[in-house]
Every structure is written in C-alpha cells, then in structure tokens.
C-alpha cells in the first residue's frame, strides 16, 4: 500500500513540477538532501504510527525514491512520440538525480544498522538481510556514478557514445532494485505479515511490466514489424507468466503448512483407531475366556456337591464313633471347678500387669526457611534489538518470574510484536532466559532475552 501511494505521488510530482524542476533543479536537489539527512539522523519512533508509516515511511523506507525510479524507467518504456515521452523525457535526468538523493537518505538510515552488522557481525544476520545488504552495496556502486554523469556539466564533457553505453547499466540497476525488494518482501509475505503480499504484487506489476514493455519497444525499433498484434499476443502471456512466479512463491508456504498439518494429523488418527480396535478385540477375548473358565468351575462345583450329599450320612456316623472313643480314653478331671463356682479368697488373685508408659514422641525438627537468590519486586532493564532498544519489566516473587511486560523503541515494531509473545512465554515456562529466538525476528528476540537477564541481575541479592 505504501509503494502504491508513493507511485501516485511520484507521477503527480513529475507531471506537476516538470517545468519548475527543469528551471530550478538545485532547489529540489537541496530539498531532497535536507530530507535525506533528517530521515537518516532523526528518531521518529515517538510520533503516531500512522504518520510514521505513511508520511515518514515514504522517505525512510525508500518508497518514494523507488517510485521515482519507476517513473524514470517507465519514461524509456513508453512508445516514442507518446504524451508521457514528450512531457517527461526533458526532465528525466533531473528526476533521476532527485530520486538518487532520496535513495541515499534511505540507505544511510538503514546502513547504520545493516552495513555495520555486515562488516562486524555478519554471522548473526539472516540470509535475507545478508543478501539485501550486499545488493544494496552493488546498487550504490551503480547509482552513484550514473547520478554524477546525469548532471549536465559532467555529461557535456563526456563522449556521447561512451555516456550512452555507461547509462545502459541503468537496466541492471532497475533489475537489482526489484530483486532487492523481493528478497525482503517475499519472506514477509510468506510469514503472513499484513500488506506484504499486495506489495509483492504491485512491485512485480511495475517492474516486470516495465521489462516486457521495454523489450517490446526495442523489438519494434529494431525489427519494425508491419503489425503489432502478434507481438502483443506474445507479450501479454509472457507478462502474466512472469507475474505468477513471485506471487506464487510469496504464498507457497501457507499452502505447504496446511498440507503438512493435514498429513501430520492423518497418521495419528489411524494409529488411534488401530489401538481402539486392538483394545476392544483383546477385551472381548479375555471376557470370553473368563466366561469359559467360570462355566467349567461351576460344573466342577456341582459335581462335588452331588458327591458330598451322597456321603453325608456316612461321614456323620464316623465322626460320632471317633468322639465316643476319645471320651472314654481321656475322662475330664473333677478337680477343675465349674465355671460358675467362685475362686477361693485365700489364693491371691494375680495382679494385672501394668502397661509400660508410651515413649514420648520426638518433636518434629523445624523446617529450614527457604533461601532466595532474588529480591521480590519489579525490575526494569533494556537491550539493543533490531535497530533500537527493547525495554522489559520483570516481576519476581519468591524466585519465580511471574510476569514480563515490554516495549520496543525499534523503527519497525512488527519484529518485536511478533517475537515477544513467543519468547516471553518461553521464559515464563522454563524460568530461564535461554530459550529459542523467533525465526525472522532474531534481533528483537535476543534483545528481550538480554533485557530479562539484566533485570534478573538487578534483582539478585
């Protein structure tokens, strides 16, 4: 959306100020230089987000500079003799210088972070950031000489044919701009960041459409075909095919994630069904076996019961005979007093044995008081993240991190907003700052962990 707005403003600027730009170019160059310095030095993180995105972002993120380059390159793609060619071709050089100065402001602002990291800590940069930084250096190596040669004073001192040959490097410059944007924007679109898929579409229409139209114009000038119908019939599907590639690539991961999720769920369902079926079958087998055993035991008991009833009479008779024989051989002594007769008073009655007194239970040892290594309270610390500080407040109770809140002062808060829920929940769950960083927001993730670690150091007794 930002680039689309920049395109509208760039074309409006080119058509509305073409005469003034031609008459007083240095006024516009000086204005662009002031904007570039302010954008690359000032801190706009405290202003409202809408203004930061749609006003300051036009310059700080290079949207307006890229849109002006789009105007410059499309001037060369319009058919010769057309109204856009007649209106804008005389100021094409001035527009390119104006665009280059604004682009330098964008490069200086971001270069303070990425060029420093590229030459000091490239290992921590993501693959996209590393490629984009190298492409930016190549773009500057092409843009600066071409911009210098666009000044009339320099151009008049150069051989016309040589100047024209060198200026053809602008085609490579335009191609590298598109590659640079796709390297940064396609991963964002894959991650589902709002607006980036639309940006990929708009950039692709502008730059790939230019490539098709520029080749078409070259073919018409060189070959001079009698009719253009066949050429147009070829250019339209070629452009559609070229446009499909980045758009499909930008949305490929979402489809892949859905397919992967469906395929991951399928085996779990089949395993669960197999387990339930096996469990039911084994239960049925065990129950049926138990029923069989119960039936056989019941039959045996019934058989034994029939036998015992048959011999019950003979067993009773045998017991009576044995009892009588034992009684005759061992008569009961008459000296033993009957149970109802009282015991003689002369005989001392045995004193009841006194039970030993129970041993006193040992008193439980007092539990040692817990020793804490952190003081309770809320502690605030900060660490440097993507391109600014990340500040966190950590609340500790009895050596337990109970809550973490934070705020970012980075230029693009999306990285912090994306990483913070993932990283903070990991720290609270593990009670440690040694957790995984969120992929795609490594610097903001590391800043959160470093800031929490600093807060813990402040709380340590």
Protein backbone atom coordinates (compact mmCIF):
# COMPACT_ATOMS: atom_id res chain seq x y z
CA UNK A 1 0.00 0.00 0.00
CA UNK A 2 2.86 2.40 0.81
CA UNK A 3 4.52 1.84 -2.57
CA UNK A 4 1.22 2.32 -4.38
CA UNK A 5 0.76 5.64 -2.60
CA UNK A 6 4.35 6.57 -3.49
CA UNK A 7 3.71 5.76 -7.16
CA UNK A 8 0.73 8.10 -7.27
CA UNK A 9 2.76 10.89 -5.61
CA UNK A 10 5.79 10.30 -7.87
CA UNK A 11 3.82 10.54 -11.12
CA UNK A 12 1.88 13.55 -9.80
CA UNK A 13 5.16 15.25 -8.82
CA UNK A 14 6.73 14.52 -12.21
CA UNK A 15 3.82 15.94 -14.20
CA UNK A 16 3.05 18.90 -11.90
CA UNK A 17 6.61 20.12 -11.31
CA UNK A 18 8.31 19.23 -14.60
CA UNK A 19 8.80 22.85 -15.63
CA UNK A 20 9.96 24.05 -12.20
CA UNK A 21 12.24 21.05 -11.86
CA UNK A 22 13.85 21.88 -15.21
CA UNK A 23 14.27 25.57 -14.38
CA UNK A 24 15.40 25.30 -10.74
CA UNK A 25 16.76 21.77 -10.29
CA UNK A 26 19.18 22.61 -7.48
CA UNK A 27 16.36 23.81 -5.27
CA UNK A 28 14.85 20.34 -5.50
CA UNK A 29 18.23 18.68 -5.02
CA UNK A 30 18.84 20.71 -1.86
CA UNK A 31 15.36 19.89 -0.57
CA UNK A 32 15.95 16.19 -1.20
CA UNK A 33 19.31 16.39 0.61
CA UNK A 34 17.70 18.01 3.67
CA UNK A 35 15.01 15.30 3.71
CA UNK A 36 17.68 12.61 3.36
CA UNK A 37 19.72 13.95 6.29
CA UNK A 38 16.67 14.33 8.54
CA UNK A 39 15.41 10.84 7.69
CA UNK A 40 18.79 9.21 8.28
CA UNK A 41 19.53 11.01 11.57
CA UNK A 42 16.24 11.85 13.34
CA UNK A 43 14.31 9.46 15.57
CA UNK A 44 10.64 9.23 14.60
CA UNK A 45 9.64 6.37 16.89
CA UNK A 46 7.74 8.61 19.27
CA UNK A 47 5.38 10.06 16.66
CA UNK A 48 2.00 8.41 15.92
CA UNK A 49 2.23 5.16 13.97
CA UNK A 50 0.09 6.41 11.07
CA UNK A 51 2.37 9.40 10.45
CA UNK A 52 5.47 7.27 10.87
CA UNK A 53 4.22 4.76 8.31
CA UNK A 54 2.54 6.83 5.63
CA UNK A 55 4.43 10.14 5.85
CA UNK A 56 7.91 9.49 7.23
CA UNK A 57 7.89 5.97 5.77
CA UNK A 58 7.66 7.36 2.26
CA UNK A 59 11.21 8.66 2.70
CA UNK A 60 12.76 6.48 5.44
CA UNK A 61 11.75 3.19 3.81
CA UNK A 62 12.75 4.33 0.34
CA UNK A 63 9.21 4.01 -1.09
CA UNK A 64 9.16 7.45 -2.74
CA UNK A 65 12.71 7.10 -4.06
CA UNK A 66 11.86 3.71 -5.63
CA UNK A 67 8.64 5.14 -7.08
CA UNK A 68 10.62 7.98 -8.70
CA UNK A 69 12.98 5.40 -10.20
CA UNK A 70 9.88 3.66 -11.57
CA UNK A 71 8.84 6.92 -13.25
CA UNK A 72 12.33 7.35 -14.72
CA UNK A 73 12.47 3.82 -16.13
CA UNK A 74 8.90 3.86 -17.49
CA UNK A 75 9.66 7.07 -19.41
CA UNK A 76 12.00 4.94 -21.51
CA UNK A 77 9.36 2.22 -21.98
CA UNK A 78 6.57 4.41 -23.35
CA UNK A 79 6.21 4.45 -27.15
CA UNK A 80 8.16 7.17 -28.92
CA UNK A 81 6.03 10.20 -29.66
CA UNK A 82 3.52 9.44 -26.87
CA UNK A 83 2.38 12.17 -24.47
CA UNK A 84 4.32 10.81 -21.45
CA UNK A 85 7.51 10.79 -23.53
CA UNK A 86 7.01 14.36 -24.71
CA UNK A 87 6.14 15.62 -21.20
CA UNK A 88 8.74 13.83 -19.04
CA UNK A 89 11.71 12.98 -21.26
CA UNK A 90 13.19 16.54 -20.93
CA UNK A 91 13.34 16.21 -17.12
CA UNK A 92 14.35 12.55 -16.94
CA UNK A 93 17.89 13.38 -15.81
CA UNK A 94 16.69 15.77 -13.08
CA UNK A 95 14.18 13.20 -11.85
CA UNK A 96 16.92 10.56 -11.60
CA UNK A 97 19.17 12.88 -9.55
CA UNK A 98 16.29 13.79 -7.25
CA UNK A 99 15.45 10.08 -6.80
CA UNK A 100 19.10 9.20 -6.13
CA UNK A 101 19.44 11.77 -3.31
CA UNK A 102 16.27 10.48 -1.60
CA UNK A 103 17.52 6.91 -2.04
CA UNK A 104 20.82 7.81 -0.37
CA UNK A 105 18.92 9.02 2.71
CA UNK A 106 17.15 5.67 2.91
CA UNK A 107 20.43 3.77 2.51
CA UNK A 108 22.21 5.82 5.18
CA UNK A 109 19.36 5.34 7.65
CA UNK A 110 19.30 1.57 7.24
CA UNK A 111 23.03 1.32 6.61
CA UNK A 112 23.74 2.47 10.16
CA UNK A 113 22.34 -0.87 11.25
CA UNK A 114 22.89 -3.31 8.40
CA UNK A 115 26.20 -2.15 6.94
CA UNK A 116 27.70 -2.16 10.44
CA UNK A 117 26.41 -5.68 11.02
CA UNK A 118 27.55 -6.83 7.59
CA UNK A 119 31.17 -5.89 8.31
CA UNK A 120 31.22 -6.64 12.06
CA UNK A 121 28.75 -9.43 12.82
CA UNK A 122 27.53 -10.91 9.53
CA UNK A 123 27.06 -14.34 11.13
CA UNK A 124 24.07 -13.10 13.11
CA UNK A 125 22.30 -11.69 10.05
CA UNK A 126 19.54 -13.68 8.43
CA UNK A 127 20.06 -14.90 4.89
CA UNK A 128 17.62 -12.32 3.54
CA UNK A 129 19.31 -9.45 5.39
CA UNK A 130 22.75 -10.56 4.21
CA UNK A 131 21.69 -10.78 0.56
CA UNK A 132 19.80 -7.48 0.73
CA UNK A 133 22.81 -5.69 2.23
CA UNK A 134 25.15 -6.99 -0.50
CA UNK A 135 22.62 -5.99 -3.18
CA UNK A 136 22.42 -2.51 -1.66
CA UNK A 137 26.18 -2.08 -1.98
CA UNK A 138 26.01 -3.14 -5.64
CA UNK A 139 23.13 -0.73 -6.22
CA UNK A 140 25.13 2.14 -4.72
CA UNK A 141 28.14 1.28 -6.86
CA UNK A 142 25.95 1.61 -9.95
CA UNK A 143 23.73 4.51 -8.84
CA UNK A 144 26.38 6.97 -7.68
CA UNK A 145 28.43 7.08 -10.95
CA UNK A 146 25.27 7.22 -13.08
CA UNK A 147 23.91 10.05 -10.93
CA UNK A 148 27.11 12.05 -11.23
CA UNK A 149 27.07 11.60 -15.02
CA UNK A 150 23.46 12.80 -15.14
CA UNK A 151 24.49 16.35 -14.23
CA UNK A 152 24.61 18.42 -17.46
CA UNK A 153 28.05 19.81 -16.61
CA UNK A 154 29.52 16.30 -16.49
CA UNK A 155 27.54 14.96 -19.42
CA UNK A 156 28.76 17.71 -21.78
CA UNK A 157 32.39 16.82 -21.04
CA UNK A 158 31.91 13.14 -21.91
CA UNK A 159 31.81 11.44 -25.28
CA UNK A 160 28.14 10.95 -26.24
CA UNK A 161 28.54 7.30 -27.29
CA UNK A 162 30.52 6.43 -24.18
CA UNK A 163 27.99 8.20 -21.98
CA UNK A 164 25.15 6.25 -23.56
CA UNK A 165 26.93 2.92 -23.15
CA UNK A 166 27.59 3.59 -19.47
CA UNK A 167 24.00 4.66 -18.94
CA UNK A 168 22.85 1.22 -20.09
CA UNK A 169 23.96 -0.02 -16.69
CA UNK A 170 20.71 1.51 -15.50
CA UNK A 171 18.91 -1.64 -16.76
CA UNK A 172 20.94 -3.71 -14.32
CA UNK A 173 20.21 -1.12 -11.63
CA UNK A 174 16.44 -1.45 -12.15
CA UNK A 175 16.65 -5.25 -12.08
CA UNK A 176 18.65 -5.22 -8.83
CA UNK A 177 16.09 -2.88 -7.22
CA UNK A 178 13.36 -5.44 -7.93
CA UNK A 179 15.48 -8.35 -6.67
CA UNK A 180 16.36 -6.37 -3.53
CA UNK A 181 12.69 -5.72 -2.79
CA UNK A 182 11.67 -9.35 -3.43
CA UNK A 183 14.42 -10.68 -1.16
CA UNK A 184 12.98 -8.64 1.70
CA UNK A 185 9.25 -8.74 0.94
CA UNK A 186 8.61 -12.33 -0.19
CA UNK A 187 9.66 -13.83 3.20
CA UNK A 188 7.39 -11.31 4.93
CA UNK A 189 4.52 -12.32 2.66
CA UNK A 190 5.21 -15.99 3.45
CA UNK A 191 5.02 -15.24 7.16
CA UNK A 192 1.60 -13.70 6.60
CA UNK A 193 2.56 -10.16 7.50
CA UNK A 194 -0.26 -7.86 6.53
CA UNK A 195 0.13 -5.94 3.27
CA UNK A 196 3.31 -7.61 2.02
CA UNK A 197 1.67 -9.95 -0.48
CA UNK A 198 -0.06 -6.92 -2.01
CA UNK A 199 3.28 -5.09 -2.10
CA UNK A 200 4.91 -8.04 -3.89
CA UNK A 201 2.10 -7.91 -6.44
CA UNK A 202 2.39 -4.15 -7.04
CA UNK A 203 6.21 -4.18 -7.33
CA UNK A 204 6.02 -7.13 -9.72
CA UNK A 205 3.46 -5.41 -11.94
CA UNK A 206 5.56 -2.24 -12.12
CA UNK A 207 9.00 -3.79 -12.67
CA UNK A 208 8.09 -6.89 -14.70
CA UNK A 209 5.62 -4.86 -16.74
CA UNK A 210 8.43 -2.41 -17.49
CA UNK A 211 10.72 -5.26 -18.60
CA UNK A 212 8.11 -6.61 -21.02
CA UNK A 213 7.27 -3.16 -22.41
CA UNK A 214 10.94 -2.21 -22.76
CA UNK A 215 11.74 -5.40 -24.70
CA UNK A 216 8.65 -4.83 -26.84
CA UNK A 217 9.78 -1.28 -27.65
CA UNK A 218 13.30 -2.49 -28.53
CA UNK A 219 11.86 -5.15 -30.85
CA UNK A 220 9.63 -2.61 -32.60
CA UNK A 221 12.54 -0.19 -33.14
CA UNK A 222 14.91 -2.90 -34.40
CA UNK A 223 12.61 -5.19 -36.39
CA UNK A 224 9.92 -2.70 -37.38
CA UNK A 225 7.15 -5.27 -37.71
CA UNK A 226 4.23 -4.46 -40.03
CA UNK A 227 1.68 -5.44 -37.40
CA UNK A 228 1.90 -5.47 -33.60
CA UNK A 229 -0.95 -7.91 -32.93
CA UNK A 230 1.28 -10.97 -32.84
CA UNK A 231 3.83 -9.17 -30.66
CA UNK A 232 1.11 -8.09 -28.21
CA UNK A 233 -0.30 -11.61 -28.17
CA UNK A 234 3.13 -12.88 -27.07
CA UNK A 235 3.86 -10.11 -24.55
CA UNK A 236 0.63 -10.48 -22.57
CA UNK A 237 1.05 -14.19 -21.62
CA UNK A 238 4.78 -13.66 -21.00
CA UNK A 239 3.98 -10.87 -18.55
CA UNK A 240 1.27 -13.00 -16.88
CA UNK A 241 3.71 -15.89 -16.51
CA UNK A 242 6.43 -13.65 -15.09
CA UNK A 243 3.94 -12.14 -12.65
CA UNK A 244 2.77 -15.55 -11.46
CA UNK A 245 6.22 -16.68 -10.30
CA UNK A 246 6.81 -14.16 -7.44
CA UNK A 247 3.15 -14.20 -6.36
CA UNK A 248 3.02 -18.00 -6.12
CA UNK A 249 6.36 -18.05 -4.35
CA UNK A 250 5.14 -15.45 -1.84
CA UNK A 251 2.11 -17.54 -0.90
CA UNK A 252 3.67 -21.02 -1.21
CA UNK A 253 4.41 -21.56 2.48
CA UNK A 254 0.81 -21.08 3.60
CA UNK A 255 -0.41 -23.87 1.34
CA UNK A 256 2.53 -26.05 2.35
CA UNK A 257 1.79 -25.55 6.04
CA UNK A 258 -1.87 -26.52 5.54
CA UNK A 259 -0.93 -29.66 3.58
CA UNK A 260 1.73 -30.55 6.18
CA UNK A 261 -0.77 -30.12 9.01
CA UNK A 262 -3.31 -32.37 7.26
CA UNK A 263 -0.71 -35.05 6.56
CA UNK A 264 0.53 -34.91 10.14
CA UNK A 265 -2.97 -35.42 11.50
CA UNK A 266 -3.74 -38.47 9.33
CA UNK A 267 -1.28 -40.98 10.87
CA UNK A 268 -2.34 -40.04 14.40
CA UNK A 269 -5.99 -40.78 13.57
CA UNK A 270 -5.19 -44.16 12.03
CA UNK A 271 -2.98 -45.15 14.96
CA UNK A 272 -5.69 -44.22 17.44
CA UNK A 273 -8.29 -46.22 15.51
CA UNK A 274 -5.98 -49.26 15.36
CA UNK A 275 -5.30 -49.01 19.08
CA UNK A 276 -9.01 -48.85 19.92
CA UNK A 277 -9.80 -51.82 17.64
CA UNK A 278 -6.99 -53.91 19.12
CA UNK A 279 -8.03 -52.97 22.66
CA UNK A 280 -11.66 -53.95 22.04
CA UNK A 281 -10.64 -57.27 20.46
CA UNK A 282 -8.32 -58.17 23.35
CA UNK A 283 -11.03 -57.23 25.84
CA UNK A 284 -13.54 -59.45 24.04
CA UNK A 285 -11.10 -62.37 24.05
CA UNK A 286 -10.35 -62.01 27.78
CA UNK A 287 -14.04 -61.74 28.67
CA UNK A 288 -14.95 -64.82 26.63
CA UNK A 289 -12.05 -66.77 28.22
CA UNK A 290 -13.22 -65.76 31.68
CA UNK A 291 -16.74 -66.91 30.91
CA UNK A 292 -15.44 -70.29 29.77
CA UNK A 293 -13.37 -70.70 32.97
CA UNK A 294 -16.35 -69.72 35.10
CA UNK A 295 -18.55 -72.29 33.38
CA UNK A 296 -16.04 -75.10 33.91
CA UNK A 297 -15.56 -74.21 37.57
CA UNK A 298 -19.31 -74.17 38.09
CA UNK A 299 -19.62 -77.65 36.59
CA UNK A 300 -16.88 -78.99 38.91
CA UNK A 301 -18.53 -77.46 41.96
CA UNK A 302 -21.86 -79.00 41.05
CA UNK A 303 -20.22 -82.43 40.66
CA UNK A 304 -18.51 -82.14 44.06
CA UNK A 305 -21.81 -81.07 45.64
CA UNK A 306 -23.55 -84.22 44.39
CA UNK A 307 -20.79 -86.40 45.82
CA UNK A 308 -20.86 -84.71 49.23
CA UNK A 309 -24.64 -85.11 49.53
CA UNK A 310 -24.35 -88.80 48.74
CA UNK A 311 -21.81 -89.47 51.50
CA UNK A 312 -23.13 -87.03 54.14
CA UNK A 313 -24.75 -89.74 56.29
CA UNK A 314 -21.69 -91.99 56.40
CA UNK A 315 -19.40 -89.11 57.38
CA UNK A 316 -21.61 -88.12 60.33
CA UNK A 317 -21.72 -91.66 61.63
CA UNK A 318 -17.92 -91.94 61.53
CA UNK A 319 -17.49 -88.66 63.49
CA UNK A 320 -19.80 -89.85 66.28
CA UNK A 321 -17.86 -93.07 66.72
CA UNK A 322 -14.49 -91.29 66.94
CA UNK A 323 -15.80 -88.83 69.53
CA UNK A 324 -17.03 -91.53 71.85
CA UNK A 325 -13.69 -93.38 71.75
CA UNK A 326 -11.72 -90.24 72.65
CA UNK A 327 -14.01 -89.52 75.60
CA UNK A 328 -13.56 -92.99 77.11
CA UNK A 329 -9.77 -92.83 76.92
CA UNK A 330 -9.37 -89.29 78.42
CA UNK A 331 -12.02 -88.58 81.09
CA UNK A 332 -12.39 -84.97 82.21
CA UNK A 333 -10.79 -84.18 85.69
CA UNK A 334 -13.26 -83.49 88.54
CA UNK A 335 -10.82 -81.20 90.36
CA UNK A 336 -11.37 -78.41 87.97
CA UNK A 337 -14.11 -76.29 89.42
CA UNK A 338 -17.01 -75.49 87.27
CA UNK A 339 -17.12 -72.16 85.66
CA UNK A 340 -19.91 -70.90 87.98
CA UNK A 341 -18.04 -71.75 91.26
CA UNK A 342 -16.17 -68.76 92.80
CA UNK A 343 -12.44 -68.85 93.28
CA UNK A 344 -11.13 -69.22 96.88
CA UNK A 345 -10.31 -65.95 98.67
CA UNK A 346 -7.09 -67.46 100.21
CA UNK A 347 -5.47 -67.66 96.89
CA UNK A 348 -4.07 -64.30 95.84
CA UNK A 349 -5.50 -63.03 92.63
CA UNK A 350 -2.93 -62.22 90.06
CA UNK A 351 -2.30 -58.51 89.75
CA UNK A 352 -2.82 -57.11 86.34
CA UNK A 353 0.37 -56.35 84.56
CA UNK A 354 0.96 -52.65 84.24
CA UNK A 355 1.40 -51.46 80.71
CA UNK A 356 4.67 -49.60 80.04
CA UNK A 357 4.30 -45.86 79.58
CA UNK A 358 4.49 -44.86 75.92
CA UNK A 359 7.73 -43.24 74.89
CA UNK A 360 7.37 -39.54 74.18
CA UNK A 361 7.15 -38.79 70.51
CA UNK A 362 10.09 -36.75 69.25
CA UNK A 363 9.17 -33.23 68.33
CA UNK A 364 9.47 -32.57 64.57
CA UNK A 365 12.50 -30.56 63.62
CA UNK A 366 11.63 -27.05 62.43
CA UNK A 367 11.67 -26.70 58.67
CA UNK A 368 14.53 -24.53 57.43
CA UNK A 369 13.48 -21.23 55.99
CA UNK A 370 13.86 -21.08 52.18
CA UNK A 371 16.83 -19.17 50.87
CA UNK A 372 16.02 -16.97 47.89
CA UNK A 373 18.58 -15.62 45.46
CA UNK A 374 16.38 -12.81 44.12
CA UNK A 375 14.60 -9.97 45.83
CA UNK A 376 10.87 -9.73 45.28
CA UNK A 377 9.62 -6.85 43.16
CA UNK A 378 9.54 -5.49 39.60
CA UNK A 379 12.79 -4.65 37.82
CA UNK A 380 13.23 -2.83 34.50
CA UNK A 381 16.10 -3.22 32.04
CA UNK A 382 16.73 -2.71 28.32
CA UNK A 383 18.83 -4.15 25.49
CA UNK A 384 19.53 -3.16 21.88
CA UNK A 385 17.40 -5.01 19.35
CA UNK A 386 16.65 -4.70 15.62
CA UNK A 387 17.65 -1.05 15.34
CA UNK A 388 16.67 0.34 18.73
CA UNK A 389 16.24 -0.50 22.40
CA UNK A 390 13.82 -3.07 23.82
CA UNK A 391 12.73 -2.38 27.42
CA UNK A 392 11.20 -5.02 29.71
CA UNK A 393 9.78 -5.06 33.25
CA UNK A 394 10.18 -8.35 35.13
CA UNK A 395 8.16 -9.15 38.27
CA UNK A 396 9.69 -11.69 40.70
CA UNK A 397 8.03 -13.42 43.68
CA UNK A 398 10.00 -15.96 45.74
CA UNK A 399 12.48 -16.62 42.95
CA UNK A 400 9.70 -17.16 40.42
CA UNK A 401 9.31 -14.93 37.35
CA UNK A 402 5.58 -14.26 37.45
CA UNK A 403 5.20 -11.70 34.67
CA UNK A 404 7.14 -9.92 31.91
CA UNK A 405 6.00 -6.84 30.04
CA UNK A 406 7.93 -4.89 27.45
CA UNK A 407 8.02 -2.08 24.93
CA UNK A 408 10.15 -1.53 21.85
CA UNK A 409 11.82 1.59 20.51
CA UNK A 410 12.79 -0.05 17.21
CA UNK A 411 11.82 1.65 13.96
CA UNK A 412 9.65 -1.28 12.90
CA UNK A 413 7.73 -2.59 15.89
CA UNK A 414 6.44 -5.60 13.94
CA UNK A 415 9.54 -7.63 14.74
CA UNK A 416 9.10 -7.10 18.49
CA UNK A 417 5.33 -7.61 18.36
CA UNK A 418 5.85 -10.90 16.54
CA UNK A 419 8.67 -12.23 18.70
CA UNK A 420 7.61 -11.07 22.19
CA UNK A 421 4.65 -13.48 22.80
CA UNK A 422 6.77 -16.46 21.73
CA UNK A 423 9.92 -15.50 23.67
CA UNK A 424 8.19 -14.23 26.83
CA UNK A 425 6.00 -17.35 27.14
CA UNK A 426 9.13 -19.49 26.73
CA UNK A 427 10.93 -17.61 29.51
CA UNK A 428 7.95 -17.85 31.88
CA UNK A 429 7.52 -21.56 31.18
CA UNK A 430 11.17 -22.53 31.56
CA UNK A 431 12.05 -19.82 34.13
CA UNK A 432 15.19 -19.24 32.08
CA UNK A 433 16.38 -16.71 29.53
CA UNK A 434 17.99 -19.47 27.45
CA UNK A 435 15.09 -20.03 25.02
CA UNK A 436 14.80 -20.21 21.24
CA UNK A 437 14.56 -17.00 19.25
CA UNK A 438 11.60 -16.39 16.96
CA UNK A 439 12.59 -17.11 13.35
CA UNK A 440 12.56 -13.91 11.33
CA UNK A 441 12.87 -11.64 14.38
CA UNK A 442 16.17 -12.80 15.84
CA UNK A 443 17.46 -9.40 16.97
CA UNK A 444 14.25 -8.49 18.80
CA UNK A 445 14.17 -11.97 20.39
CA UNK A 446 17.77 -11.69 21.59
CA UNK A 447 17.06 -8.20 22.95
CA UNK A 448 14.13 -9.49 25.02
CA UNK A 449 16.25 -12.30 26.48
CA UNK A 450 19.18 -9.96 27.21
CA UNK A 451 16.93 -7.37 28.86
CA UNK A 452 15.28 -10.01 31.08
CA UNK A 453 18.72 -11.34 32.05
CA UNK A 454 19.80 -7.81 33.02
CA UNK A 455 16.65 -7.38 35.10
CA UNK A 456 17.39 -10.65 36.92
CA UNK A 457 20.92 -9.45 37.65
CA UNK A 458 19.46 -6.29 39.16
CA UNK A 459 17.14 -8.38 41.38
CA UNK A 460 19.88 -10.72 42.58
CA UNK A 461 20.72 -10.38 46.29
